[in-house]
Amino acid sequence: MGTLARQPDELTPEEKRFFREQLRDARAQVLRDAEGFESIVRVVERLGRFLKPDGKGLASFFDPLSEIASRSALSVELPTCFPEYHLSFRALFESVRHGRNSAVHEGAAARHLTIHALELAFVLEDALMPATSTISEFMVRGPVIAAPWQPVSFVRHALLGNSFSYLPVMLQRDNSRRWQLISDVAVAAFLRGTDKATERNQRLQTRVEDAVRSGALRLDTPLCVKSDYRVTDLLGQLTSIPALVVGDSPDELIGIVTAFDLL
């Protein structure tokens, strides 16, 4: 017995969040590889196959994907009003479909295809976005964290390797344990605060807790909230510093959310 097709309006909030996060992860891969449009196409196909299990090929998924996309103003409305800024979902879909089948996947052609794949992902993500919700819908789960005993060199590598601006760390401060954020600005200031190469090497080897204790490595104090915190409430308090999402125990870090995640 074959799998029954799903109607776009039958997707549960969990299913929508799953595919939205997959699209977001695929976009992150594309940012690391300017010609890596295939990561987005694979997620689009996965969503299409979820909606229409008997479909064969990207073209066969257009109708159910288009129905989902129609929930976003980016699909038709904005492209109609501002054609100089936006392409319709149909135009993006056809560009990606034909481009993927093309033998030319390098240079300017690949970059053009990648741009359209990114815009296709933007439309579908926006369409899958809940109108009002809690931050659990938007947070990045399982964030990379630093430990007090790790050297600053590890923090530097984690920031650079993941294109992060902040890394959470749990530290003992003022007789209590609390989450703090190490920023790329703070690490740069700590490492470049000397012109001596040997001293910089020593600073790379310094443990995070020792660098903080000396006052040379500055930390930011984030807002810590639960996963059921409302987005509208968070936006009234959010700054350029990310908010951290904690579990039942304040020591349990389950997510991180920035203004970028809420766009």
C-alpha atoms as a PDB file:
ATOM      1  CA  MET A   1       0.000   0.000   0.000  1.00  0.00           C
ATOM      2  CA  GLY A   2       1.448   3.351  -1.011  1.00  0.00           C
ATOM      3  CA  THR A   3       1.835   6.354   1.255  1.00  0.00           C
ATOM      4  CA  LEU A   4      -1.082   8.773   1.094  1.00  0.00           C
ATOM      5  CA  ALA A   5      -0.430  12.273  -0.173  1.00  0.00           C
ATOM      6  CA  ARG A   6      -0.577  15.083   2.361  1.00  0.00           C
ATOM      7  CA  GLN A   7      -2.432  18.324   1.769  1.00  0.00           C
ATOM      8  CA  PRO A   8      -0.337  21.420   2.561  1.00  0.00           C
ATOM      9  CA  ASP A   9      -2.913  22.605   5.106  1.00  0.00           C
ATOM     10  CA  GLU A  10      -2.608  19.246   6.903  1.00  0.00           C
ATOM     11  CA  LEU A  11       1.007  19.825   7.938  1.00  0.00           C
ATOM     12  CA  THR A  12       1.381  19.905  11.711  1.00  0.00           C
ATOM     13  CA  PRO A  13       3.357  22.679  13.455  1.00  0.00           C
ATOM     14  CA  GLU A  14       6.117  20.142  14.145  1.00  0.00           C
ATOM     15  CA  GLU A  15       6.305  19.134  10.475  1.00  0.00           C
ATOM     16  CA  LYS A  16       6.416  22.762   9.380  1.00  0.00           C
ATOM     17  CA  ARG A  17       9.187  23.486  11.867  1.00  0.00           C
ATOM     18  CA  PHE A  18      11.141  20.415  10.705  1.00  0.00           C
ATOM     19  CA  PHE A  19      11.176  21.475   7.055  1.00  0.00           C
ATOM     20  CA  ARG A  20      11.763  25.116   7.911  1.00  0.00           C
ATOM     21  CA  GLU A  21      14.841  24.174   9.932  1.00  0.00           C
ATOM     22  CA  GLN A  22      16.069  21.933   7.128  1.00  0.00           C
ATOM     23  CA  LEU A  23      15.745  24.829   4.681  1.00  0.00           C
ATOM     24  CA  ARG A  24      17.611  27.096   7.097  1.00  0.00           C
ATOM     25  CA  ASP A  25      20.407  24.542   7.497  1.00  0.00           C
ATOM     26  CA  ALA A  26      20.616  24.161   3.713  1.00  0.00           C
ATOM     27  CA  ARG A  27      20.929  27.922   3.315  1.00  0.00           C
ATOM     28  CA  ALA A  28      23.773  27.900   5.815  1.00  0.00           C
ATOM     29  CA  GLN A  29      25.549  25.279   3.694  1.00  0.00           C
ATOM     30  CA  VAL A  30      25.121  27.458   0.618  1.00  0.00           C
ATOM     31  CA  LEU A  31      26.702  30.404   2.413  1.00  0.00           C
ATOM     32  CA  ARG A  32      29.759  28.219   2.994  1.00  0.00           C
ATOM     33  CA  ASP A  33      29.780  27.037  -0.623  1.00  0.00           C
ATOM     34  CA  ALA A  34      28.634  29.637  -3.166  1.00  0.00           C
ATOM     35  CA  GLU A  35      27.879  26.879  -5.671  1.00  0.00           C
ATOM     36  CA  GLY A  36      26.191  24.500  -3.224  1.00  0.00           C
ATOM     37  CA  PHE A  37      22.606  25.051  -4.394  1.00  0.00           C
ATOM     38  CA  GLU A  38      21.967  21.285  -4.361  1.00  0.00           C
ATOM     39  CA  SER A  39      21.583  21.305  -0.571  1.00  0.00           C
ATOM     40  CA  ILE A  40      18.499  23.509  -0.935  1.00  0.00           C
ATOM     41  CA  VAL A  41      17.110  21.536  -3.872  1.00  0.00           C
ATOM     42  CA  ARG A  42      17.329  18.308  -1.865  1.00  0.00           C
ATOM     43  CA  VAL A  43      15.243  19.793   0.955  1.00  0.00           C
ATOM     44  CA  VAL A  44      12.695  21.184  -1.524  1.00  0.00           C
ATOM     45  CA  GLU A  45      12.433  17.712  -3.070  1.00  0.00           C
ATOM     46  CA  ARG A  46      12.099  16.140   0.370  1.00  0.00           C
ATOM     47  CA  LEU A  47       9.213  18.457   1.220  1.00  0.00           C
ATOM     48  CA  GLY A  48       7.617  17.807  -2.177  1.00  0.00           C
ATOM     49  CA  ARG A  49       7.883  14.049  -1.737  1.00  0.00           C
ATOM     50  CA  PHE A  50       6.417  14.327   1.757  1.00  0.00           C
ATOM     51  CA  LEU A  51       3.364  16.041   0.267  1.00  0.00           C
ATOM     52  CA  LYS A  52       3.194  13.876  -2.854  1.00  0.00           C
ATOM     53  CA  PRO A  53       4.890  10.505  -2.253  1.00  0.00           C
ATOM     54  CA  ASP A  54       4.181   9.217  -5.769  1.00  0.00           C
ATOM     55  CA  GLY A  55       5.794  12.224  -7.462  1.00  0.00           C
ATOM     56  CA  LYS A  56       8.731  11.645  -9.764  1.00  0.00           C
ATOM     57  CA  GLY A  57      11.174  14.464 -10.261  1.00  0.00           C
ATOM     58  CA  LEU A  58      11.164  18.056  -9.073  1.00  0.00           C
ATOM     59  CA  ALA A  59       8.595  19.176 -11.671  1.00  0.00           C
ATOM     60  CA  SER A  60       5.958  16.796 -10.273  1.00  0.00           C
ATOM     61  CA  PHE A  61       6.106  18.555  -6.892  1.00  0.00           C
ATOM     62  CA  PHE A  62       5.294  22.039  -8.194  1.00  0.00           C
ATOM     63  CA  ASP A  63       1.566  22.040  -7.380  1.00  0.00           C
ATOM     64  CA  PRO A  64       1.760  21.080  -3.665  1.00  0.00           C
ATOM     65  CA  LEU A  65       4.845  23.263  -3.145  1.00  0.00           C
ATOM     66  CA  SER A  66       3.146  26.162  -4.919  1.00  0.00           C
ATOM     67  CA  GLU A  67       0.124  25.776  -2.656  1.00  0.00           C
ATOM     68  CA  ILE A  68       2.365  26.039   0.405  1.00  0.00           C
ATOM     69  CA  ALA A  69       4.255  28.979  -1.093  1.00  0.00           C
ATOM     70  CA  SER A  70       0.987  30.833  -1.743  1.00  0.00           C
ATOM     71  CA  ARG A  71       0.718  31.398   2.018  1.00  0.00           C
ATOM     72  CA  SER A  72       3.628  33.851   1.748  1.00  0.00           C
ATOM     73  CA  ALA A  73       3.385  37.314   0.189  1.00  0.00           C
ATOM     74  CA  LEU A  74       6.790  36.538  -1.329  1.00  0.00           C
ATOM     75  CA  SER A  75       5.189  34.010  -3.672  1.00  0.00           C
ATOM     76  CA  VAL A  76       3.043  36.269  -5.887  1.00  0.00           C
ATOM     77  CA  GLU A  77       1.951  39.457  -4.157  1.00  0.00           C
ATOM     78  CA  LEU A  78       5.341  41.101  -3.633  1.00  0.00           C
ATOM     79  CA  PRO A  79       6.751  39.972  -7.015  1.00  0.00           C
ATOM     80  CA  THR A  80       3.690  41.582  -8.629  1.00  0.00           C
ATOM     81  CA  CYS A  81       4.098  44.851  -6.728  1.00  0.00           C
ATOM     82  CA  PHE A  82       7.899  44.958  -6.864  1.00  0.00           C
ATOM     83  CA  PRO A  83       9.070  42.896  -9.862  1.00  0.00           C
ATOM     84  CA  GLU A  84      12.408  44.696  -9.824  1.00  0.00           C
ATOM     85  CA  TYR A  85      13.144  43.209  -6.380  1.00  0.00           C
ATOM     86  CA  HIS A  86      11.373  39.829  -6.325  1.00  0.00           C
ATOM     87  CA  LEU A  87      10.747  36.914  -8.662  1.00  0.00           C
ATOM     88  CA  SER A  88       7.554  34.879  -8.304  1.00  0.00           C
ATOM     89  CA  PHE A  89       7.668  31.411  -6.788  1.00  0.00           C
ATOM     90  CA  ARG A  90       6.891  29.913 -10.192  1.00  0.00           C
ATOM     91  CA  ALA A  91       9.775  31.787 -11.836  1.00  0.00           C
ATOM     92  CA  LEU A  92      12.198  30.766  -9.082  1.00  0.00           C
ATOM     93  CA  PHE A  93      11.036  27.154  -9.154  1.00  0.00           C
ATOM     94  CA  GLU A  94      11.401  26.900 -12.929  1.00  0.00           C
ATOM     95  CA  SER A  95      14.813  28.579 -12.844  1.00  0.00           C
ATOM     96  CA  VAL A  96      16.077  26.133 -10.227  1.00  0.00           C
ATOM     97  CA  ARG A  97      14.511  23.133 -11.970  1.00  0.00           C
ATOM     98  CA  HIS A  98      15.975  23.948 -15.375  1.00  0.00           C
ATOM     99  CA  GLY A  99      19.291  25.063 -13.904  1.00  0.00           C
ATOM    100  CA  ARG A 100      19.673  21.877 -11.943  1.00  0.00           C
ATOM    101  CA  ASN A 101      19.186  19.823 -15.103  1.00  0.00           C
ATOM    102  CA  SER A 102      21.703  21.936 -16.976  1.00  0.00           C
ATOM    103  CA  ALA A 103      25.189  20.601 -17.578  1.00  0.00           C
ATOM    104  CA  VAL A 104      26.694  23.970 -16.581  1.00  0.00           C
ATOM    105  CA  HIS A 105      27.099  24.036 -12.814  1.00  0.00           C
ATOM    106  CA  GLU A 106      30.086  26.314 -12.380  1.00  0.00           C
ATOM    107  CA  GLY A 107      31.074  29.939 -12.524  1.00  0.00           C
ATOM    108  CA  ALA A 108      28.481  32.652 -13.178  1.00  0.00           C
ATOM    109  CA  ALA A 109      25.763  30.148 -14.132  1.00  0.00           C
ATOM    110  CA  ALA A 110      26.113  28.295 -10.829  1.00  0.00           C
ATOM    111  CA  ARG A 111      26.120  31.521  -8.827  1.00  0.00           C
ATOM    112  CA  HIS A 112      22.960  32.690 -10.591  1.00  0.00           C
ATOM    113  CA  LEU A 113      21.320  29.342  -9.853  1.00  0.00           C
ATOM    114  CA  THR A 114      22.400  29.532  -6.217  1.00  0.00           C
ATOM    115  CA  ILE A 115      20.804  32.972  -5.797  1.00  0.00           C
ATOM    116  CA  HIS A 116      17.501  31.655  -7.146  1.00  0.00           C
ATOM    117  CA  ALA A 117      17.726  28.561  -4.911  1.00  0.00           C
ATOM    118  CA  LEU A 118      18.239  30.816  -1.876  1.00  0.00           C
ATOM    119  CA  GLU A 119      15.244  32.947  -2.840  1.00  0.00           C
ATOM    120  CA  LEU A 120      13.162  29.811  -3.356  1.00  0.00           C
ATOM    121  CA  ALA A 121      14.077  28.739   0.178  1.00  0.00           C
ATOM    122  CA  PHE A 122      13.127  32.189   1.505  1.00  0.00           C
ATOM    123  CA  VAL A 123       9.625  31.857   0.048  1.00  0.00           C
ATOM    124  CA  LEU A 124       9.021  28.371   1.439  1.00  0.00           C
ATOM    125  CA  GLU A 125      10.446  29.236   4.860  1.00  0.00           C
ATOM    126  CA  ASP A 126       8.240  32.295   5.073  1.00  0.00           C
ATOM    127  CA  ALA A 127       5.200  30.245   4.042  1.00  0.00           C
ATOM    128  CA  LEU A 128       5.947  27.655   6.730  1.00  0.00           C
ATOM    129  CA  MET A 129       6.391  30.336   9.387  1.00  0.00           C
ATOM    130  CA  PRO A 130       3.724  30.433  12.112  1.00  0.00           C
ATOM    131  CA  ALA A 131       1.875  33.749  12.381  1.00  0.00           C
ATOM    132  CA  THR A 132       2.219  33.981  16.150  1.00  0.00           C
ATOM    133  CA  SER A 133       4.221  31.590  18.245  1.00  0.00           C
ATOM    134  CA  THR A 134       6.773  30.979  20.945  1.00  0.00           C
ATOM    135  CA  ILE A 135      10.501  31.184  20.449  1.00  0.00           C
ATOM    136  CA  SER A 136      10.716  27.379  20.317  1.00  0.00           C
ATOM    137  CA  GLU A 137       9.632  27.786  16.681  1.00  0.00           C
ATOM    138  CA  PHE A 138      12.661  29.917  15.831  1.00  0.00           C
ATOM    139  CA  MET A 139      15.537  29.076  18.157  1.00  0.00           C
ATOM    140  CA  VAL A 140      18.632  27.241  16.992  1.00  0.00           C
ATOM    141  CA  ARG A 141      18.639  23.978  18.924  1.00  0.00           C
ATOM    142  CA  GLY A 142      21.669  22.387  20.522  1.00  0.00           C
ATOM    143  CA  PRO A 143      23.949  25.435  20.299  1.00  0.00           C
ATOM    144  CA  VAL A 144      27.720  25.034  20.357  1.00  0.00           C
ATOM    145  CA  ILE A 145      29.055  26.087  23.746  1.00  0.00           C
ATOM    146  CA  ALA A 146      32.419  26.780  25.327  1.00  0.00           C
ATOM    147  CA  ALA A 147      33.614  25.398  28.652  1.00  0.00           C
ATOM    148  CA  PRO A 148      35.541  27.382  31.305  1.00  0.00           C
ATOM    149  CA  TRP A 149      38.494  25.005  31.150  1.00  0.00           C
ATOM    150  CA  GLN A 150      38.929  25.230  27.372  1.00  0.00           C
ATOM    151  CA  PRO A 151      41.621  27.460  25.857  1.00  0.00           C
ATOM    152  CA  VAL A 152      40.694  30.674  24.073  1.00  0.00           C
ATOM    153  CA  SER A 153      42.070  29.054  20.911  1.00  0.00           C
ATOM    154  CA  PHE A 154      39.075  26.670  20.955  1.00  0.00           C
ATOM    155  CA  VAL A 155      36.646  29.589  21.240  1.00  0.00           C
ATOM    156  CA  ARG A 156      38.388  31.304  18.337  1.00  0.00           C
ATOM    157  CA  HIS A 157      38.113  28.172  16.162  1.00  0.00           C
ATOM    158  CA  ALA A 158      34.442  27.674  17.058  1.00  0.00           C
ATOM    159  CA  LEU A 159      33.604  31.270  16.167  1.00  0.00           C
ATOM    160  CA  LEU A 160      35.507  31.186  12.876  1.00  0.00           C
ATOM    161  CA  GLY A 161      34.517  27.671  11.860  1.00  0.00           C
ATOM    162  CA  ASN A 162      30.803  28.304  12.320  1.00  0.00           C
ATOM    163  CA  SER A 163      30.652  32.018  11.407  1.00  0.00           C
ATOM    164  CA  PHE A 164      29.320  32.688  14.920  1.00  0.00           C
ATOM    165  CA  SER A 165      29.381  36.060  16.614  1.00  0.00           C
ATOM    166  CA  TYR A 166      28.776  34.669  20.112  1.00  0.00           C
ATOM    167  CA  LEU A 167      29.497  31.488  22.038  1.00  0.00           C
ATOM    168  CA  PRO A 168      27.690  30.662  25.317  1.00  0.00           C
ATOM    169  CA  VAL A 169      29.688  29.614  28.356  1.00  0.00           C
ATOM    170  CA  MET A 170      28.548  28.696  31.873  1.00  0.00           C
ATOM    171  CA  LEU A 171      30.732  30.403  34.473  1.00  0.00           C
ATOM    172  CA  GLN A 172      30.824  30.830  38.222  1.00  0.00           C
ATOM    173  CA  ARG A 173      30.428  34.571  38.866  1.00  0.00           C
ATOM    174  CA  ASP A 174      29.428  36.457  42.005  1.00  0.00           C
ATOM    175  CA  ASN A 175      28.847  33.225  43.949  1.00  0.00           C
ATOM    176  CA  SER A 176      26.465  31.828  41.333  1.00  0.00           C
ATOM    177  CA  ARG A 177      26.644  29.904  38.088  1.00  0.00           C
ATOM    178  CA  ARG A 178      25.162  31.647  35.081  1.00  0.00           C
ATOM    179  CA  TRP A 179      25.276  31.689  31.323  1.00  0.00           C
ATOM    180  CA  GLN A 180      27.440  34.309  29.663  1.00  0.00           C
ATOM    181  CA  LEU A 181      28.333  35.052  26.041  1.00  0.00           C
ATOM    182  CA  ILE A 182      31.816  35.330  24.574  1.00  0.00           C
ATOM    183  CA  SER A 183      31.711  37.577  21.508  1.00  0.00           C
ATOM    184  CA  ASP A 184      34.013  37.666  18.513  1.00  0.00           C
ATOM    185  CA  VAL A 185      34.721  41.306  19.420  1.00  0.00           C
ATOM    186  CA  ALA A 186      35.863  40.287  22.912  1.00  0.00           C
ATOM    187  CA  VAL A 187      38.107  37.497  21.591  1.00  0.00           C
ATOM    188  CA  ALA A 188      39.650  39.814  18.992  1.00  0.00           C
ATOM    189  CA  ALA A 189      40.348  42.442  21.646  1.00  0.00           C
ATOM    190  CA  PHE A 190      41.860  39.822  23.937  1.00  0.00           C
ATOM    191  CA  LEU A 191      44.139  38.327  21.271  1.00  0.00           C
ATOM    192  CA  ARG A 192      45.078  41.547  19.473  1.00  0.00           C
ATOM    193  CA  GLY A 193      45.634  43.593  22.586  1.00  0.00           C
ATOM    194  CA  THR A 194      49.371  43.068  22.169  1.00  0.00           C
ATOM    195  CA  ASP A 195      51.898  43.527  19.364  1.00  0.00           C
ATOM    196  CA  LYS A 196      54.096  40.717  20.629  1.00  0.00           C
ATOM    197  CA  ALA A 197      53.629  37.424  18.798  1.00  0.00           C
ATOM    198  CA  THR A 198      54.806  35.395  21.777  1.00  0.00           C
ATOM    199  CA  GLU A 199      52.285  37.060  24.058  1.00  0.00           C
ATOM    200  CA  ARG A 200      49.478  36.416  21.581  1.00  0.00           C
ATOM    201  CA  ASN A 201      50.454  32.746  21.525  1.00  0.00           C
ATOM    202  CA  GLN A 202      50.263  32.697  25.309  1.00  0.00           C
ATOM    203  CA  ARG A 203      46.821  34.279  25.195  1.00  0.00           C
ATOM    204  CA  LEU A 204      45.613  31.607  22.760  1.00  0.00           C
ATOM    205  CA  GLN A 205      46.614  29.003  25.360  1.00  0.00           C
ATOM    206  CA  THR A 206      44.863  30.810  28.219  1.00  0.00           C
ATOM    207  CA  ARG A 207      41.869  29.026  29.664  1.00  0.00           C
ATOM    208  CA  VAL A 208      38.582  30.878  29.285  1.00  0.00           C
ATOM    209  CA  GLU A 209      37.994  31.099  33.050  1.00  0.00           C
ATOM    210  CA  ASP A 210      41.481  32.518  33.628  1.00  0.00           C
ATOM    211  CA  ALA A 211      41.092  35.095  30.847  1.00  0.00           C
ATOM    212  CA  VAL A 212      37.768  36.197  32.336  1.00  0.00           C
ATOM    213  CA  ARG A 213      39.113  36.255  35.879  1.00  0.00           C
ATOM    214  CA  SER A 214      41.973  38.522  34.802  1.00  0.00           C
ATOM    215  CA  GLY A 215      39.489  40.976  33.312  1.00  0.00           C
ATOM    216  CA  ALA A 216      41.125  40.768  29.884  1.00  0.00           C
ATOM    217  CA  LEU A 217      38.286  38.807  28.255  1.00  0.00           C
ATOM    218  CA  ARG A 218      34.999  40.690  28.464  1.00  0.00           C
ATOM    219  CA  LEU A 219      31.680  38.856  28.561  1.00  0.00           C
ATOM    220  CA  ASP A 220      28.102  39.801  27.708  1.00  0.00           C
ATOM    221  CA  THR A 221      25.158  38.828  29.888  1.00  0.00           C
ATOM    222  CA  PRO A 222      22.283  37.441  27.796  1.00  0.00           C
ATOM    223  CA  LEU A 223      18.576  37.335  28.467  1.00  0.00           C
ATOM    224  CA  CYS A 224      17.665  33.755  29.462  1.00  0.00           C
ATOM    225  CA  VAL A 225      14.121  32.587  28.751  1.00  0.00           C
ATOM    226  CA  LYS A 226      12.090  29.379  28.476  1.00  0.00           C
ATOM    227  CA  SER A 227      11.100  27.851  25.143  1.00  0.00           C
ATOM    228  CA  ASP A 228       7.446  28.848  25.611  1.00  0.00           C
ATOM    229  CA  TYR A 229       8.351  32.539  25.820  1.00  0.00           C
ATOM    230  CA  ARG A 230       6.357  34.512  23.265  1.00  0.00           C
ATOM    231  CA  VAL A 231       8.174  36.063  20.309  1.00  0.00           C
ATOM    232  CA  THR A 232       6.324  39.352  20.741  1.00  0.00           C
ATOM    233  CA  ASP A 233       7.524  39.588  24.348  1.00  0.00           C
ATOM    234  CA  LEU A 234      11.083  38.717  23.396  1.00  0.00           C
ATOM    235  CA  LEU A 235      11.229  41.384  20.699  1.00  0.00           C
ATOM    236  CA  GLY A 236      10.519  44.029  23.316  1.00  0.00           C
ATOM    237  CA  GLN A 237      13.726  43.066  25.133  1.00  0.00           C
ATOM    238  CA  LEU A 238      16.016  41.639  22.467  1.00  0.00           C
ATOM    239  CA  THR A 239      19.163  43.568  21.544  1.00  0.00           C
ATOM    240  CA  SER A 240      22.069  42.756  19.263  1.00  0.00           C
ATOM    241  CA  ILE A 241      23.054  40.202  21.910  1.00  0.00           C
ATOM    242  CA  PRO A 242      21.359  36.783  21.428  1.00  0.00           C
ATOM    243  CA  ALA A 243      18.899  35.411  23.939  1.00  0.00           C
ATOM    244  CA  LEU A 244      19.509  31.966  25.430  1.00  0.00           C
ATOM    245  CA  VAL A 245      16.766  29.399  25.855  1.00  0.00           C
ATOM    246  CA  VAL A 246      17.074  27.258  28.966  1.00  0.00           C
ATOM    247  CA  GLY A 247      15.275  24.123  30.116  1.00  0.00           C
ATOM    248  CA  ASP A 248      13.670  23.273  33.447  1.00  0.00           C
ATOM    249  CA  SER A 249      17.088  23.739  35.024  1.00  0.00           C
ATOM    250  CA  PRO A 250      18.792  27.086  34.347  1.00  0.00           C
ATOM    251  CA  ASP A 251      21.993  25.119  33.703  1.00  0.00           C
ATOM    252  CA  GLU A 252      20.368  23.312  30.758  1.00  0.00           C
ATOM    253  CA  LEU A 253      20.902  25.257  27.542  1.00  0.00           C
ATOM    254  CA  ILE A 254      18.568  24.055  24.800  1.00  0.00           C
ATOM    255  CA  GLY A 255      18.673  26.879  22.272  1.00  0.00           C
ATOM    256  CA  ILE A 256      19.820  30.295  21.174  1.00  0.00           C
ATOM    257  CA  VAL A 257      17.839  32.909  19.281  1.00  0.00           C
ATOM    258  CA  THR A 258      18.913  36.115  17.562  1.00  0.00           C
ATOM    259  CA  ALA A 259      17.077  38.846  15.703  1.00  0.00           C
ATOM    260  CA  PHE A 260      18.385  37.175  12.525  1.00  0.00           C
ATOM    261  CA  ASP A 261      16.390  34.029  13.378  1.00  0.00           C
ATOM    262  CA  LEU A 262      13.198  36.080  13.662  1.00  0.00           C
ATOM    263  CA  LEU A 263      13.439  37.925  10.360  1.00  0.00           C
END
